[in-house]
Amino acid sequence: SLIDVQCNGYTDGGVIGSKPAPLFAPVAAGQDI
C-alpha cells in the first residue's frame, strides 16, 4: 500500500518512495534492454 512499491523506498526508515534520476537513456522502439 506504500509508494515504496512504485520505484522503491523505505518509508519506515524515513525514505518515502524514490525520486527522479538526472539522466535518461536513448533507446529505439523494438530494441532489447
mmCIF file of all heavy atoms, coordinates in Angstrom:
data_MODEL
# 
_entry.id   MODEL 
# 
loop_
_atom_site.group_PDB 
_atom_site.id 
_atom_site.type_symbol 
_atom_site.label_atom_id 
_atom_site.label_alt_id 
_atom_site.label_comp_id 
_atom_site.label_asym_id 
_atom_site.label_entity_id 
_atom_site.label_seq_id 
_atom_site.pdbx_PDB_ins_code 
_atom_site.Cartn_x 
_atom_site.Cartn_y 
_atom_site.Cartn_z 
_atom_site.occupancy 
_atom_site.B_iso_or_equiv 
_atom_site.pdbx_formal_charge 
_atom_site.auth_seq_id 
_atom_site.auth_comp_id 
_atom_site.auth_asym_id 
_atom_site.auth_atom_id 
_atom_site.pdbx_PDB_model_num 
ATOM 1   N N   . SER A 1 1  ? 0.817  -1.214 0.000   1.00 0.00 ? 1  SER A N   1 
ATOM 2   C CA  . SER A 1 1  ? 0.000  0.000  0.000   1.00 0.00 ? 1  SER A CA  1 
ATOM 3   C C   . SER A 1 1  ? 0.853  1.267  0.000   1.00 0.00 ? 1  SER A C   1 
ATOM 4   O O   . SER A 1 1  ? 0.314  2.366  -0.144  1.00 0.00 ? 1  SER A O   1 
ATOM 5   C CB  . SER A 1 1  ? -0.922 0.012  1.228   1.00 0.00 ? 1  SER A CB  1 
ATOM 6   O OG  . SER A 1 1  ? -0.178 0.211  2.428   1.00 0.00 ? 1  SER A OG  1 
ATOM 7   N N   . LEU A 1 2  ? 2.162  1.125  0.144   1.00 0.00 ? 2  LEU A N   1 
ATOM 8   C CA  . LEU A 1 2  ? 3.057  2.272  0.236   1.00 0.00 ? 2  LEU A CA  1 
ATOM 9   C C   . LEU A 1 2  ? 3.557  2.706  -1.140  1.00 0.00 ? 2  LEU A C   1 
ATOM 10  O O   . LEU A 1 2  ? 3.677  1.893  -2.063  1.00 0.00 ? 2  LEU A O   1 
ATOM 11  C CB  . LEU A 1 2  ? 4.263  1.942  1.121   1.00 0.00 ? 2  LEU A CB  1 
ATOM 12  C CG  . LEU A 1 2  ? 3.972  1.608  2.584   1.00 0.00 ? 2  LEU A CG  1 
ATOM 13  C CD1 . LEU A 1 2  ? 5.265  1.239  3.301   1.00 0.00 ? 2  LEU A CD1 1 
ATOM 14  C CD2 . LEU A 1 2  ? 3.285  2.777  3.286   1.00 0.00 ? 2  LEU A CD2 1 
ATOM 15  N N   . ILE A 1 3  ? 3.916  3.977  -1.278  1.00 0.00 ? 3  ILE A N   1 
ATOM 16  C CA  . ILE A 1 3  ? 4.504  4.486  -2.514  1.00 0.00 ? 3  ILE A CA  1 
ATOM 17  C C   . ILE A 1 3  ? 5.829  3.795  -2.810  1.00 0.00 ? 3  ILE A C   1 
ATOM 18  O O   . ILE A 1 3  ? 6.282  3.763  -3.962  1.00 0.00 ? 3  ILE A O   1 
ATOM 19  C CB  . ILE A 1 3  ? 4.686  6.028  -2.441  1.00 0.00 ? 3  ILE A CB  1 
ATOM 20  C CG1 . ILE A 1 3  ? 5.043  6.612  -3.809  1.00 0.00 ? 3  ILE A CG1 1 
ATOM 21  C CG2 . ILE A 1 3  ? 5.725  6.394  -1.388  1.00 0.00 ? 3  ILE A CG2 1 
ATOM 22  C CD1 . ILE A 1 3  ? 3.985  6.459  -4.872  1.00 0.00 ? 3  ILE A CD1 1 
ATOM 23  N N   . ASP A 1 4  ? 6.429  3.192  -1.802  1.00 0.00 ? 4  ASP A N   1 
ATOM 24  C CA  . ASP A 1 4  ? 7.695  2.474  -1.989  1.00 0.00 ? 4  ASP A CA  1 
ATOM 25  C C   . ASP A 1 4  ? 7.595  1.398  -3.063  1.00 0.00 ? 4  ASP A C   1 
ATOM 26  O O   . ASP A 1 4  ? 8.592  1.058  -3.714  1.00 0.00 ? 4  ASP A O   1 
ATOM 27  C CB  . ASP A 1 4  ? 8.139  1.811  -0.680  1.00 0.00 ? 4  ASP A CB  1 
ATOM 28  C CG  . ASP A 1 4  ? 8.312  2.787  0.466   1.00 0.00 ? 4  ASP A CG  1 
ATOM 29  O OD1 . ASP A 1 4  ? 8.310  4.008  0.214   1.00 0.00 ? 4  ASP A OD1 1 
ATOM 30  O OD2 . ASP A 1 4  ? 8.448  2.331  1.611   1.00 0.00 ? 4  ASP A OD2 1 
ATOM 31  N N   . VAL A 1 5  ? 6.408  0.838  -3.260  1.00 0.00 ? 5  VAL A N   1 
ATOM 32  C CA  . VAL A 1 5  ? 6.249  -0.249 -4.219  1.00 0.00 ? 5  VAL A CA  1 
ATOM 33  C C   . VAL A 1 5  ? 6.376  0.238  -5.660  1.00 0.00 ? 5  VAL A C   1 
ATOM 34  O O   . VAL A 1 5  ? 6.556  -0.561 -6.580  1.00 0.00 ? 5  VAL A O   1 
ATOM 35  C CB  . VAL A 1 5  ? 4.896  -0.970 -3.991  1.00 0.00 ? 5  VAL A CB  1 
ATOM 36  C CG1 . VAL A 1 5  ? 3.730  -0.180 -4.586  1.00 0.00 ? 5  VAL A CG1 1 
ATOM 37  C CG2 . VAL A 1 5  ? 4.923  -2.378 -4.564  1.00 0.00 ? 5  VAL A CG2 1 
ATOM 38  N N   . GLN A 1 6  ? 6.317  1.555  -5.857  1.00 0.00 ? 6  GLN A N   1 
ATOM 39  C CA  . GLN A 1 6  ? 6.421  2.081  -7.215  1.00 0.00 ? 6  GLN A CA  1 
ATOM 40  C C   . GLN A 1 6  ? 7.846  1.993  -7.747  1.00 0.00 ? 6  GLN A C   1 
ATOM 41  O O   . GLN A 1 6  ? 8.110  1.331  -8.751  1.00 0.00 ? 6  GLN A O   1 
ATOM 42  C CB  . GLN A 1 6  ? 5.940  3.526  -7.258  1.00 0.00 ? 6  GLN A CB  1 
ATOM 43  C CG  . GLN A 1 6  ? 5.919  4.128  -8.648  1.00 0.00 ? 6  GLN A CG  1 
ATOM 44  C CD  . GLN A 1 6  ? 5.334  5.532  -8.616  1.00 0.00 ? 6  GLN A CD  1 
ATOM 45  O OE1 . GLN A 1 6  ? 6.053  6.505  -8.752  1.00 0.00 ? 6  GLN A OE1 1 
ATOM 46  N NE2 . GLN A 1 6  ? 4.028  5.627  -8.431  1.00 0.00 ? 6  GLN A NE2 1 
ATOM 47  N N   . CYS A 1 7  ? 8.766  2.676  -7.106  1.00 0.00 ? 7  CYS A N   1 
ATOM 48  C CA  . CYS A 1 7  ? 10.154 2.713  -7.589  1.00 0.00 ? 7  CYS A CA  1 
ATOM 49  C C   . CYS A 1 7  ? 11.162 2.450  -6.473  1.00 0.00 ? 7  CYS A C   1 
ATOM 50  O O   . CYS A 1 7  ? 12.319 2.818  -6.591  1.00 0.00 ? 7  CYS A O   1 
ATOM 51  C CB  . CYS A 1 7  ? 10.454 4.068  -8.233  1.00 0.00 ? 7  CYS A CB  1 
ATOM 52  S SG  . CYS A 1 7  ? 9.609  4.341  -9.802  1.00 0.00 ? 7  CYS A SG  1 
ATOM 53  N N   . ASN A 1 8  ? 10.685 1.851  -5.387  1.00 0.00 ? 8  ASN A N   1 
ATOM 54  C CA  . ASN A 1 8  ? 11.474 1.523  -4.205  1.00 0.00 ? 8  ASN A CA  1 
ATOM 55  C C   . ASN A 1 8  ? 11.394 2.648  -3.176  1.00 0.00 ? 8  ASN A C   1 
ATOM 56  O O   . ASN A 1 8  ? 10.890 3.724  -3.453  1.00 0.00 ? 8  ASN A O   1 
ATOM 57  C CB  . ASN A 1 8  ? 12.928 1.188  -4.550  1.00 0.00 ? 8  ASN A CB  1 
ATOM 58  C CG  . ASN A 1 8  ? 13.470 0.040  -3.706  1.00 0.00 ? 8  ASN A CG  1 
ATOM 59  O OD1 . ASN A 1 8  ? 13.386 0.065  -2.489  1.00 0.00 ? 8  ASN A OD1 1 
ATOM 60  N ND2 . ASN A 1 8  ? 14.028 -0.967 -4.373  1.00 0.00 ? 8  ASN A ND2 1 
ATOM 61  N N   . GLY A 1 9  ? 11.922 2.378  -2.011  1.00 0.00 ? 9  GLY A N   1 
ATOM 62  C CA  . GLY A 1 9  ? 11.851 3.315  -0.903  1.00 0.00 ? 9  GLY A CA  1 
ATOM 63  C C   . GLY A 1 9  ? 11.842 2.563  0.412   1.00 0.00 ? 9  GLY A C   1 
ATOM 64  O O   . GLY A 1 9  ? 11.804 1.329  0.448   1.00 0.00 ? 9  GLY A O   1 
ATOM 65  N N   . TYR A 1 10 ? 11.874 3.309  1.496   1.00 0.00 ? 10 TYR A N   1 
ATOM 66  C CA  . TYR A 1 10 ? 11.874 2.725  2.842   1.00 0.00 ? 10 TYR A CA  1 
ATOM 67  C C   . TYR A 1 10 ? 11.154 3.689  3.774   1.00 0.00 ? 10 TYR A C   1 
ATOM 68  O O   . TYR A 1 10 ? 11.762 4.367  4.583   1.00 0.00 ? 10 TYR A O   1 
ATOM 69  C CB  . TYR A 1 10 ? 13.310 2.453  3.290   1.00 0.00 ? 10 TYR A CB  1 
ATOM 70  C CG  . TYR A 1 10 ? 13.465 1.823  4.654   1.00 0.00 ? 10 TYR A CG  1 
ATOM 71  C CD1 . TYR A 1 10 ? 12.543 0.893  5.127   1.00 0.00 ? 10 TYR A CD1 1 
ATOM 72  C CD2 . TYR A 1 10 ? 14.546 2.147  5.463   1.00 0.00 ? 10 TYR A CD2 1 
ATOM 73  C CE1 . TYR A 1 10 ? 12.689 0.309  6.374   1.00 0.00 ? 10 TYR A CE1 1 
ATOM 74  C CE2 . TYR A 1 10 ? 14.710 1.572  6.711   1.00 0.00 ? 10 TYR A CE2 1 
ATOM 75  C CZ  . TYR A 1 10 ? 13.774 0.658  7.155   1.00 0.00 ? 10 TYR A CZ  1 
ATOM 76  O OH  . TYR A 1 10 ? 13.924 0.078  8.403   1.00 0.00 ? 10 TYR A OH  1 
ATOM 77  N N   . THR A 1 11 ? 9.832  3.741  3.621   1.00 0.00 ? 11 THR A N   1 
ATOM 78  C CA  . THR A 1 11 ? 9.033  4.701  4.370   1.00 0.00 ? 11 THR A CA  1 
ATOM 79  C C   . THR A 1 11 ? 9.237  4.560  5.876   1.00 0.00 ? 11 THR A C   1 
ATOM 80  O O   . THR A 1 11 ? 9.330  5.565  6.595   1.00 0.00 ? 11 THR A O   1 
ATOM 81  C CB  . THR A 1 11 ? 7.542  4.538  4.007   1.00 0.00 ? 11 THR A CB  1 
ATOM 82  O OG1 . THR A 1 11 ? 7.347  4.974  2.653   1.00 0.00 ? 11 THR A OG1 1 
ATOM 83  C CG2 . THR A 1 11 ? 6.655  5.363  4.917   1.00 0.00 ? 11 THR A CG2 1 
ATOM 84  N N   . ASP A 1 12 ? 9.325  3.333  6.362   1.00 0.00 ? 12 ASP A N   1 
ATOM 85  C CA  . ASP A 1 12 ? 9.513  3.127  7.797   1.00 0.00 ? 12 ASP A CA  1 
ATOM 86  C C   . ASP A 1 12 ? 10.829 3.714  8.295   1.00 0.00 ? 12 ASP A C   1 
ATOM 87  O O   . ASP A 1 12 ? 10.961 4.040  9.477   1.00 0.00 ? 12 ASP A O   1 
ATOM 88  C CB  . ASP A 1 12 ? 9.463  1.637  8.132   1.00 0.00 ? 12 ASP A CB  1 
ATOM 89  C CG  . ASP A 1 12 ? 8.049  1.060  8.010   1.00 0.00 ? 12 ASP A CG  1 
ATOM 90  O OD1 . ASP A 1 12 ? 7.099  1.861  7.919   1.00 0.00 ? 12 ASP A OD1 1 
ATOM 91  O OD2 . ASP A 1 12 ? 7.906  -0.172 8.003   1.00 0.00 ? 12 ASP A OD2 1 
ATOM 92  N N   . GLY A 1 13 ? 11.786 3.857  7.398   1.00 0.00 ? 13 GLY A N   1 
ATOM 93  C CA  . GLY A 1 13 ? 13.072 4.432  7.763   1.00 0.00 ? 13 GLY A CA  1 
ATOM 94  C C   . GLY A 1 13 ? 13.214 5.890  7.358   1.00 0.00 ? 13 GLY A C   1 
ATOM 95  O O   . GLY A 1 13 ? 14.311 6.451  7.449   1.00 0.00 ? 13 GLY A O   1 
ATOM 96  N N   . GLY A 1 14 ? 12.123 6.483  6.886   1.00 0.00 ? 14 GLY A N   1 
ATOM 97  C CA  . GLY A 1 14 ? 12.144 7.893  6.523   1.00 0.00 ? 14 GLY A CA  1 
ATOM 98  C C   . GLY A 1 14 ? 12.397 8.185  5.066   1.00 0.00 ? 14 GLY A C   1 
ATOM 99  O O   . GLY A 1 14 ? 12.430 9.353  4.662   1.00 0.00 ? 14 GLY A O   1 
ATOM 100 N N   . VAL A 1 15 ? 12.582 7.158  4.247   1.00 0.00 ? 15 VAL A N   1 
ATOM 101 C CA  . VAL A 1 15 ? 12.788 7.346  2.804   1.00 0.00 ? 15 VAL A CA  1 
ATOM 102 C C   . VAL A 1 15 ? 11.471 7.004  2.106   1.00 0.00 ? 15 VAL A C   1 
ATOM 103 O O   . VAL A 1 15 ? 11.185 5.835  1.840   1.00 0.00 ? 15 VAL A O   1 
ATOM 104 C CB  . VAL A 1 15 ? 13.935 6.466  2.274   1.00 0.00 ? 15 VAL A CB  1 
ATOM 105 C CG1 . VAL A 1 15 ? 14.170 6.741  0.788   1.00 0.00 ? 15 VAL A CG1 1 
ATOM 106 C CG2 . VAL A 1 15 ? 15.205 6.688  3.067   1.00 0.00 ? 15 VAL A CG2 1 
ATOM 107 N N   . ILE A 1 16 ? 10.676 8.017  1.840   1.00 0.00 ? 16 ILE A N   1 
ATOM 108 C CA  . ILE A 1 16 ? 9.329  7.802  1.305   1.00 0.00 ? 16 ILE A CA  1 
ATOM 109 C C   . ILE A 1 16 ? 9.393  7.758  -0.217  1.00 0.00 ? 16 ILE A C   1 
ATOM 110 O O   . ILE A 1 16 ? 9.500  8.778  -0.891  1.00 0.00 ? 16 ILE A O   1 
ATOM 111 C CB  . ILE A 1 16 ? 8.384  8.912  1.797   1.00 0.00 ? 16 ILE A CB  1 
ATOM 112 C CG1 . ILE A 1 16 ? 8.341  8.920  3.328   1.00 0.00 ? 16 ILE A CG1 1 
ATOM 113 C CG2 . ILE A 1 16 ? 6.978  8.700  1.231   1.00 0.00 ? 16 ILE A CG2 1 
ATOM 114 C CD1 . ILE A 1 16 ? 7.566  10.075 3.920   1.00 0.00 ? 16 ILE A CD1 1 
ATOM 115 N N   . GLY A 1 17 ? 9.353  6.551  -0.746  1.00 0.00 ? 17 GLY A N   1 
ATOM 116 C CA  . GLY A 1 17 ? 9.442  6.373  -2.188  1.00 0.00 ? 17 GLY A CA  1 
ATOM 117 C C   . GLY A 1 17 ? 10.803 6.747  -2.737  1.00 0.00 ? 17 GLY A C   1 
ATOM 118 O O   . GLY A 1 17 ? 11.793 6.817  -2.019  1.00 0.00 ? 17 GLY A O   1 
ATOM 119 N N   . SER A 1 18 ? 10.835 6.978  -4.032  1.00 0.00 ? 18 SER A N   1 
ATOM 120 C CA  . SER A 1 18 ? 12.071 7.355  -4.716  1.00 0.00 ? 18 SER A CA  1 
ATOM 121 C C   . SER A 1 18 ? 11.918 8.769  -5.260  1.00 0.00 ? 18 SER A C   1 
ATOM 122 O O   . SER A 1 18 ? 11.001 9.501  -4.879  1.00 0.00 ? 18 SER A O   1 
ATOM 123 C CB  . SER A 1 18 ? 12.382 6.351  -5.839  1.00 0.00 ? 18 SER A CB  1 
ATOM 124 O OG  . SER A 1 18 ? 13.654 6.577  -6.393  1.00 0.00 ? 18 SER A OG  1 
ATOM 125 N N   . LYS A 1 19 ? 12.813 9.144  -6.165  1.00 0.00 ? 19 LYS A N   1 
ATOM 126 C CA  . LYS A 1 19 ? 12.751 10.455 -6.804  1.00 0.00 ? 19 LYS A CA  1 
ATOM 127 C C   . LYS A 1 19 ? 13.359 10.332 -8.193  1.00 0.00 ? 19 LYS A C   1 
ATOM 128 O O   . LYS A 1 19 ? 14.066 9.358  -8.497  1.00 0.00 ? 19 LYS A O   1 
ATOM 129 C CB  . LYS A 1 19 ? 13.503 11.500 -5.980  1.00 0.00 ? 19 LYS A CB  1 
ATOM 130 C CG  . LYS A 1 19 ? 14.987 11.207 -5.813  1.00 0.00 ? 19 LYS A CG  1 
ATOM 131 C CD  . LYS A 1 19 ? 15.660 12.253 -4.929  1.00 0.00 ? 19 LYS A CD  1 
ATOM 132 C CE  . LYS A 1 19 ? 17.154 11.958 -4.759  1.00 0.00 ? 19 LYS A CE  1 
ATOM 133 N NZ  . LYS A 1 19 ? 17.808 12.966 -3.896  1.00 0.00 ? 19 LYS A NZ  1 
ATOM 134 N N   . PRO A 1 20 ? 13.111 11.296 -9.077  1.00 0.00 ? 20 PRO A N   1 
ATOM 135 C CA  . PRO A 1 20 ? 13.653 11.192 -10.435 1.00 0.00 ? 20 PRO A CA  1 
ATOM 136 C C   . PRO A 1 20 ? 15.177 11.154 -10.462 1.00 0.00 ? 20 PRO A C   1 
ATOM 137 O O   . PRO A 1 20 ? 15.853 11.737 -9.606  1.00 0.00 ? 20 PRO A O   1 
ATOM 138 C CB  . PRO A 1 20 ? 13.119 12.456 -11.117 1.00 0.00 ? 20 PRO A CB  1 
ATOM 139 C CG  . PRO A 1 20 ? 11.890 12.805 -10.353 1.00 0.00 ? 20 PRO A CG  1 
ATOM 140 C CD  . PRO A 1 20 ? 12.199 12.434 -8.928  1.00 0.00 ? 20 PRO A CD  1 
ATOM 141 N N   . ALA A 1 21 ? 15.694 10.455 -11.457 1.00 0.00 ? 21 ALA A N   1 
ATOM 142 C CA  . ALA A 1 21 ? 17.132 10.452 -11.724 1.00 0.00 ? 21 ALA A CA  1 
ATOM 143 C C   . ALA A 1 21 ? 17.452 11.607 -12.678 1.00 0.00 ? 21 ALA A C   1 
ATOM 144 O O   . ALA A 1 21 ? 16.570 12.085 -13.410 1.00 0.00 ? 21 ALA A O   1 
ATOM 145 C CB  . ALA A 1 21 ? 17.543 9.124  -12.352 1.00 0.00 ? 21 ALA A CB  1 
ATOM 146 N N   . PRO A 1 22 ? 18.699 12.058 -12.709 1.00 0.00 ? 22 PRO A N   1 
ATOM 147 C CA  . PRO A 1 22 ? 19.035 13.213 -13.545 1.00 0.00 ? 22 PRO A CA  1 
ATOM 148 C C   . PRO A 1 22 ? 19.208 12.904 -15.027 1.00 0.00 ? 22 PRO A C   1 
ATOM 149 O O   . PRO A 1 22 ? 19.240 13.819 -15.845 1.00 0.00 ? 22 PRO A O   1 
ATOM 150 C CB  . PRO A 1 22 ? 20.349 13.717 -12.945 1.00 0.00 ? 22 PRO A CB  1 
ATOM 151 C CG  . PRO A 1 22 ? 20.939 12.524 -12.275 1.00 0.00 ? 22 PRO A CG  1 
ATOM 152 C CD  . PRO A 1 22 ? 19.788 11.702 -11.787 1.00 0.00 ? 22 PRO A CD  1 
ATOM 153 N N   . LEU A 1 23 ? 19.322 11.624 -15.392 1.00 0.00 ? 23 LEU A N   1 
ATOM 154 C CA  . LEU A 1 23 ? 19.601 11.251 -16.772 1.00 0.00 ? 23 LEU A CA  1 
ATOM 155 C C   . LEU A 1 23 ? 18.536 10.304 -17.308 1.00 0.00 ? 23 LEU A C   1 
ATOM 156 O O   . LEU A 1 23 ? 17.781 9.695  -16.547 1.00 0.00 ? 23 LEU A O   1 
ATOM 157 C CB  . LEU A 1 23 ? 20.971 10.571 -16.881 1.00 0.00 ? 23 LEU A CB  1 
ATOM 158 C CG  . LEU A 1 23 ? 22.200 11.341 -16.389 1.00 0.00 ? 23 LEU A CG  1 
ATOM 159 C CD1 . LEU A 1 23 ? 23.440 10.479 -16.540 1.00 0.00 ? 23 LEU A CD1 1 
ATOM 160 C CD2 . LEU A 1 23 ? 22.361 12.654 -17.136 1.00 0.00 ? 23 LEU A CD2 1 
ATOM 161 N N   . PHE A 1 24 ? 18.503 10.157 -18.637 1.00 0.00 ? 24 PHE A N   1 
ATOM 162 C CA  . PHE A 1 24 ? 17.709 9.120  -19.278 1.00 0.00 ? 24 PHE A CA  1 
ATOM 163 C C   . PHE A 1 24 ? 18.515 8.565  -20.442 1.00 0.00 ? 24 PHE A C   1 
ATOM 164 O O   . PHE A 1 24 ? 19.425 9.216  -20.962 1.00 0.00 ? 24 PHE A O   1 
ATOM 165 C CB  . PHE A 1 24 ? 16.347 9.652  -19.750 1.00 0.00 ? 24 PHE A CB  1 
ATOM 166 C CG  . PHE A 1 24 ? 16.425 10.844 -20.653 1.00 0.00 ? 24 PHE A CG  1 
ATOM 167 C CD1 . PHE A 1 24 ? 16.634 10.697 -22.018 1.00 0.00 ? 24 PHE A CD1 1 
ATOM 168 C CD2 . PHE A 1 24 ? 16.286 12.128 -20.139 1.00 0.00 ? 24 PHE A CD2 1 
ATOM 169 C CE1 . PHE A 1 24 ? 16.706 11.804 -22.861 1.00 0.00 ? 24 PHE A CE1 1 
ATOM 170 C CE2 . PHE A 1 24 ? 16.350 13.241 -20.965 1.00 0.00 ? 24 PHE A CE2 1 
ATOM 171 C CZ  . PHE A 1 24 ? 16.555 13.076 -22.324 1.00 0.00 ? 24 PHE A CZ  1 
ATOM 172 N N   . ALA A 1 25 ? 18.188 7.334  -20.831 1.00 0.00 ? 25 ALA A N   1 
ATOM 173 C CA  . ALA A 1 25 ? 18.931 6.657  -21.894 1.00 0.00 ? 25 ALA A CA  1 
ATOM 174 C C   . ALA A 1 25 ? 18.111 6.614  -23.173 1.00 0.00 ? 25 ALA A C   1 
ATOM 175 O O   . ALA A 1 25 ? 16.914 6.301  -23.131 1.00 0.00 ? 25 ALA A O   1 
ATOM 176 C CB  . ALA A 1 25 ? 19.283 5.242  -21.471 1.00 0.00 ? 25 ALA A CB  1 
ATOM 177 N N   . PRO A 1 26 ? 18.722 6.899  -24.316 1.00 0.00 ? 26 PRO A N   1 
ATOM 178 C CA  . PRO A 1 26 ? 18.010 6.754  -25.585 1.00 0.00 ? 26 PRO A CA  1 
ATOM 179 C C   . PRO A 1 26 ? 17.896 5.284  -25.980 1.00 0.00 ? 26 PRO A C   1 
ATOM 180 O O   . PRO A 1 26 ? 18.837 4.501  -25.789 1.00 0.00 ? 26 PRO A O   1 
ATOM 181 C CB  . PRO A 1 26 ? 18.892 7.520  -26.570 1.00 0.00 ? 26 PRO A CB  1 
ATOM 182 C CG  . PRO A 1 26 ? 20.273 7.441  -25.983 1.00 0.00 ? 26 PRO A CG  1 
ATOM 183 C CD  . PRO A 1 26 ? 20.091 7.437  -24.496 1.00 0.00 ? 26 PRO A CD  1 
ATOM 184 N N   . VAL A 1 27 ? 16.740 4.914  -26.517 1.00 0.00 ? 27 VAL A N   1 
ATOM 185 C CA  . VAL A 1 27 ? 16.517 3.545  -26.968 1.00 0.00 ? 27 VAL A CA  1 
ATOM 186 C C   . VAL A 1 27 ? 15.526 3.591  -28.124 1.00 0.00 ? 27 VAL A C   1 
ATOM 187 O O   . VAL A 1 27 ? 14.602 4.401  -28.137 1.00 0.00 ? 27 VAL A O   1 
ATOM 188 C CB  . VAL A 1 27 ? 15.997 2.653  -25.814 1.00 0.00 ? 27 VAL A CB  1 
ATOM 189 C CG1 . VAL A 1 27 ? 14.713 3.218  -25.222 1.00 0.00 ? 27 VAL A CG1 1 
ATOM 190 C CG2 . VAL A 1 27 ? 15.792 1.217  -26.263 1.00 0.00 ? 27 VAL A CG2 1 
ATOM 191 N N   . ALA A 1 28 ? 15.736 2.739  -29.091 1.00 0.00 ? 28 ALA A N   1 
ATOM 192 C CA  . ALA A 1 28 ? 14.828 2.661  -30.241 1.00 0.00 ? 28 ALA A CA  1 
ATOM 193 C C   . ALA A 1 28 ? 13.707 1.673  -29.953 1.00 0.00 ? 28 ALA A C   1 
ATOM 194 O O   . ALA A 1 28 ? 13.924 0.634  -29.302 1.00 0.00 ? 28 ALA A O   1 
ATOM 195 C CB  . ALA A 1 28 ? 15.591 2.230  -31.492 1.00 0.00 ? 28 ALA A CB  1 
ATOM 196 N N   . ALA A 1 29 ? 12.507 1.980  -30.386 1.00 0.00 ? 29 ALA A N   1 
ATOM 197 C CA  . ALA A 1 29 ? 11.420 1.014  -30.307 1.00 0.00 ? 29 ALA A CA  1 
ATOM 198 C C   . ALA A 1 29 ? 11.854 -0.277 -30.991 1.00 0.00 ? 29 ALA A C   1 
ATOM 199 O O   . ALA A 1 29 ? 12.457 -0.255 -32.066 1.00 0.00 ? 29 ALA A O   1 
ATOM 200 C CB  . ALA A 1 29 ? 10.168 1.574  -30.970 1.00 0.00 ? 29 ALA A CB  1 
ATOM 201 N N   . GLY A 1 30 ? 11.572 -1.399 -30.353 1.00 0.00 ? 30 GLY A N   1 
ATOM 202 C CA  . GLY A 1 30 ? 11.992 -2.694 -30.877 1.00 0.00 ? 30 GLY A CA  1 
ATOM 203 C C   . GLY A 1 30 ? 13.356 -3.154 -30.398 1.00 0.00 ? 30 GLY A C   1 
ATOM 204 O O   . GLY A 1 30 ? 13.770 -4.277 -30.699 1.00 0.00 ? 30 GLY A O   1 
ATOM 205 N N   . GLN A 1 31 ? 14.054 -2.311 -29.642 1.00 0.00 ? 31 GLN A N   1 
ATOM 206 C CA  . GLN A 1 31 ? 15.396 -2.650 -29.172 1.00 0.00 ? 31 GLN A CA  1 
ATOM 207 C C   . GLN A 1 31 ? 15.327 -3.424 -27.857 1.00 0.00 ? 31 GLN A C   1 
ATOM 208 O O   . GLN A 1 31 ? 14.429 -3.225 -27.037 1.00 0.00 ? 31 GLN A O   1 
ATOM 209 C CB  . GLN A 1 31 ? 16.216 -1.370 -28.982 1.00 0.00 ? 31 GLN A CB  1 
ATOM 210 C CG  . GLN A 1 31 ? 17.702 -1.604 -28.763 1.00 0.00 ? 31 GLN A CG  1 
ATOM 211 C CD  . GLN A 1 31 ? 18.498 -0.303 -28.854 1.00 0.00 ? 31 GLN A CD  1 
ATOM 212 O OE1 . GLN A 1 31 ? 17.946 0.793  -28.884 1.00 0.00 ? 31 GLN A OE1 1 
ATOM 213 N NE2 . GLN A 1 31 ? 19.802 -0.429 -28.909 1.00 0.00 ? 31 GLN A NE2 1 
ATOM 214 N N   . ASP A 1 32 ? 16.288 -4.319 -27.655 1.00 0.00 ? 32 ASP A N   1 
ATOM 215 C CA  . ASP A 1 32 ? 16.396 -5.060 -26.407 1.00 0.00 ? 32 ASP A CA  1 
ATOM 216 C C   . ASP A 1 32 ? 17.068 -4.205 -25.337 1.00 0.00 ? 32 ASP A C   1 
ATOM 217 O O   . ASP A 1 32 ? 17.971 -3.408 -25.632 1.00 0.00 ? 32 ASP A O   1 
ATOM 218 C CB  . ASP A 1 32 ? 17.224 -6.332 -26.590 1.00 0.00 ? 32 ASP A CB  1 
ATOM 219 C CG  . ASP A 1 32 ? 16.470 -7.425 -27.325 1.00 0.00 ? 32 ASP A CG  1 
ATOM 220 O OD1 . ASP A 1 32 ? 15.239 -7.304 -27.493 1.00 0.00 ? 32 ASP A OD1 1 
ATOM 221 O OD2 . ASP A 1 32 ? 17.124 -8.403 -27.743 1.00 0.00 ? 32 ASP A OD2 1 
ATOM 222 N N   . ILE A 1 33 ? 16.631 -4.398 -24.107 1.00 0.00 ? 33 ILE A N   1 
ATOM 223 C CA  . ILE A 1 33 ? 17.286 -3.808 -22.941 1.00 0.00 ? 33 ILE A CA  1 
ATOM 224 C C   . ILE A 1 33 ? 17.671 -4.939 -22.002 1.00 0.00 ? 33 ILE A C   1 
ATOM 225 O O   . ILE A 1 33 ? 16.851 -5.816 -21.702 1.00 0.00 ? 33 ILE A O   1 
ATOM 226 C CB  . ILE A 1 33 ? 16.371 -2.795 -22.228 1.00 0.00 ? 33 ILE A CB  1 
ATOM 227 C CG1 . ILE A 1 33 ? 16.091 -1.597 -23.147 1.00 0.00 ? 33 ILE A CG1 1 
ATOM 228 C CG2 . ILE A 1 33 ? 16.988 -2.330 -20.909 1.00 0.00 ? 33 ILE A CG2 1 
ATOM 229 C CD1 . ILE A 1 33 ? 15.230 -0.526 -22.523 1.00 0.00 ? 33 ILE A CD1 1 
# 
